[in-house]
Amino acid sequence: MGRRIGDVTLHGKDGNHTYLFQRSDGVDVIGDNGAWDTDKLVLQGYTAEEVKVTRSCSSSDAVFSLAETADQVTIKCTLEGS
């Protein structure tokens, strides 16, 4: 995926994907239904200490909150069965 500005929703479907998220990219949602695929989320411009991962209370979404910014990445239904 190339450089973009603003909030987006990404749908990867089947196949292996790498999702690149950079500082100031906004609030993104990733929905990827390829159950047997290998997908990666790459967070550029952040240290491990700046990334907080939580599970949404009402769903199986993983929410990546990025310190000192309003940036956030939600991966839909990634924690189903866990």
C-alpha atoms as a PDB file:
ATOM      1  CA  MET A   1       0.000   0.000   0.000  1.00  0.00           C
ATOM      2  CA  GLY A   2       1.364   3.445  -0.893  1.00  0.00           C
ATOM      3  CA  ARG A   3       1.472   6.528   1.315  1.00  0.00           C
ATOM      4  CA  ARG A   4      -1.980   7.939   2.033  1.00  0.00           C
ATOM      5  CA  ILE A   5      -3.445  10.556   4.343  1.00  0.00           C
ATOM      6  CA  GLY A   6      -6.563  10.254   6.468  1.00  0.00           C
ATOM      7  CA  ASP A   7      -8.629   7.509   8.014  1.00  0.00           C
ATOM      8  CA  VAL A   8      -9.169   4.406   5.895  1.00  0.00           C
ATOM      9  CA  THR A   9     -10.741   0.961   6.050  1.00  0.00           C
ATOM     10  CA  LEU A  10      -8.717  -1.780   4.357  1.00  0.00           C
ATOM     11  CA  HIS A  11     -10.085  -5.154   3.214  1.00  0.00           C
ATOM     12  CA  GLY A  12      -7.328  -7.653   2.420  1.00  0.00           C
ATOM     13  CA  LYS A  13      -9.421 -10.745   1.621  1.00  0.00           C
ATOM     14  CA  ASP A  14      -7.508 -13.924   0.681  1.00  0.00           C
ATOM     15  CA  GLY A  15      -3.728 -13.946   0.279  1.00  0.00           C
ATOM     16  CA  ASN A  16      -0.795 -12.706   2.342  1.00  0.00           C
ATOM     17  CA  HIS A  17      -0.675  -8.961   3.046  1.00  0.00           C
ATOM     18  CA  THR A  18       1.595  -6.423   4.704  1.00  0.00           C
ATOM     19  CA  TYR A  19      -0.158  -3.357   6.111  1.00  0.00           C
ATOM     20  CA  LEU A  20       2.092  -0.331   6.614  1.00  0.00           C
ATOM     21  CA  PHE A  21       1.032   2.278   9.155  1.00  0.00           C
ATOM     22  CA  GLN A  22       3.128   5.402   9.677  1.00  0.00           C
ATOM     23  CA  ARG A  23       3.024   8.192  12.240  1.00  0.00           C
ATOM     24  CA  SER A  24       0.130  10.609  11.519  1.00  0.00           C
ATOM     25  CA  ASP A  25      -1.760   8.116   9.325  1.00  0.00           C
ATOM     26  CA  GLY A  26      -4.886   8.609  11.464  1.00  0.00           C
ATOM     27  CA  VAL A  27      -7.407   5.973  12.511  1.00  0.00           C
ATOM     28  CA  ASP A  28      -7.439   2.867  10.334  1.00  0.00           C
ATOM     29  CA  VAL A  29      -9.499  -0.326  10.355  1.00  0.00           C
ATOM     30  CA  ILE A  30      -8.247  -3.558   8.805  1.00  0.00           C
ATOM     31  CA  GLY A  31     -10.630  -6.373   7.899  1.00  0.00           C
ATOM     32  CA  ASP A  32      -8.867  -9.423   6.469  1.00  0.00           C
ATOM     33  CA  ASN A  33     -10.849 -12.627   6.111  1.00  0.00           C
ATOM     34  CA  GLY A  34      -8.057 -14.924   4.899  1.00  0.00           C
ATOM     35  CA  ALA A  35      -8.099 -17.363   7.824  1.00  0.00           C
ATOM     36  CA  TRP A  36      -5.053 -19.364   6.687  1.00  0.00           C
ATOM     37  CA  ASP A  37      -3.037 -16.451   5.352  1.00  0.00           C
ATOM     38  CA  THR A  38      -0.025 -14.760   6.915  1.00  0.00           C
ATOM     39  CA  ASP A  39      -0.601 -11.034   7.302  1.00  0.00           C
ATOM     40  CA  LYS A  40       1.675  -8.430   8.896  1.00  0.00           C
ATOM     41  CA  LEU A  41       1.090  -5.018  10.422  1.00  0.00           C
ATOM     42  CA  VAL A  42       4.199  -2.815  10.222  1.00  0.00           C
ATOM     43  CA  LEU A  43       4.162   0.256  12.481  1.00  0.00           C
ATOM     44  CA  GLN A  44       6.786   2.745  11.264  1.00  0.00           C
ATOM     45  CA  GLY A  45       7.943   5.637  13.393  1.00  0.00           C
ATOM     46  CA  TYR A  46       6.978   4.110  16.751  1.00  0.00           C
ATOM     47  CA  THR A  47       8.968   2.313  19.429  1.00  0.00           C
ATOM     48  CA  ALA A  48       7.578  -0.776  21.168  1.00  0.00           C
ATOM     49  CA  GLU A  49       7.013   1.344  24.278  1.00  0.00           C
ATOM     50  CA  GLU A  50       4.698   3.656  22.317  1.00  0.00           C
ATOM     51  CA  VAL A  51       2.345   0.866  21.195  1.00  0.00           C
ATOM     52  CA  LYS A  52      -0.509  -0.349  23.407  1.00  0.00           C
ATOM     53  CA  VAL A  53      -2.581  -3.328  22.230  1.00  0.00           C
ATOM     54  CA  THR A  54      -5.991  -4.001  23.742  1.00  0.00           C
ATOM     55  CA  ARG A  55      -8.973  -6.180  22.968  1.00  0.00           C
ATOM     56  CA  SER A  56     -12.220  -4.391  22.272  1.00  0.00           C
ATOM     57  CA  CYS A  57     -14.667  -5.093  25.125  1.00  0.00           C
ATOM     58  CA  SER A  58     -17.562  -5.972  22.860  1.00  0.00           C
ATOM     59  CA  SER A  59     -15.782  -7.842  20.070  1.00  0.00           C
ATOM     60  CA  SER A  60     -12.743  -9.858  19.044  1.00  0.00           C
ATOM     61  CA  ASP A  61     -10.974  -6.833  17.559  1.00  0.00           C
ATOM     62  CA  ALA A  62      -7.359  -5.979  18.410  1.00  0.00           C
ATOM     63  CA  VAL A  63      -6.870  -2.241  18.905  1.00  0.00           C
ATOM     64  CA  PHE A  64      -3.387  -0.717  18.556  1.00  0.00           C
ATOM     65  CA  SER A  65      -3.235   2.694  20.274  1.00  0.00           C
ATOM     66  CA  LEU A  66      -0.143   4.745  19.522  1.00  0.00           C
ATOM     67  CA  ALA A  67       1.204   6.943  22.336  1.00  0.00           C
ATOM     68  CA  GLU A  68       1.270  10.722  22.144  1.00  0.00           C
ATOM     69  CA  THR A  69      -0.913  10.711  19.012  1.00  0.00           C
ATOM     70  CA  ALA A  70      -4.518  10.148  18.004  1.00  0.00           C
ATOM     71  CA  ASP A  71      -3.312   7.389  15.654  1.00  0.00           C
ATOM     72  CA  GLN A  72      -4.982   3.996  16.025  1.00  0.00           C
ATOM     73  CA  VAL A  73      -5.225   0.740  14.093  1.00  0.00           C
ATOM     74  CA  THR A  74      -8.053  -1.750  14.661  1.00  0.00           C
ATOM     75  CA  ILE A  75      -7.817  -5.249  13.233  1.00  0.00           C
ATOM     76  CA  LYS A  76     -11.348  -6.641  12.986  1.00  0.00           C
ATOM     77  CA  CYS A  77     -12.175 -10.119  14.339  1.00  0.00           C
ATOM     78  CA  THR A  78      -8.528 -11.123  14.691  1.00  0.00           C
ATOM     79  CA  LEU A  79      -8.986 -12.592  18.177  1.00  0.00           C
ATOM     80  CA  GLU A  80     -11.945 -14.869  17.426  1.00  0.00           C
ATOM     81  CA  GLY A  81     -11.634 -18.122  19.311  1.00  0.00           C
ATOM     82  CA  SER A  82      -9.084 -16.740  21.757  1.00  0.00           C
END
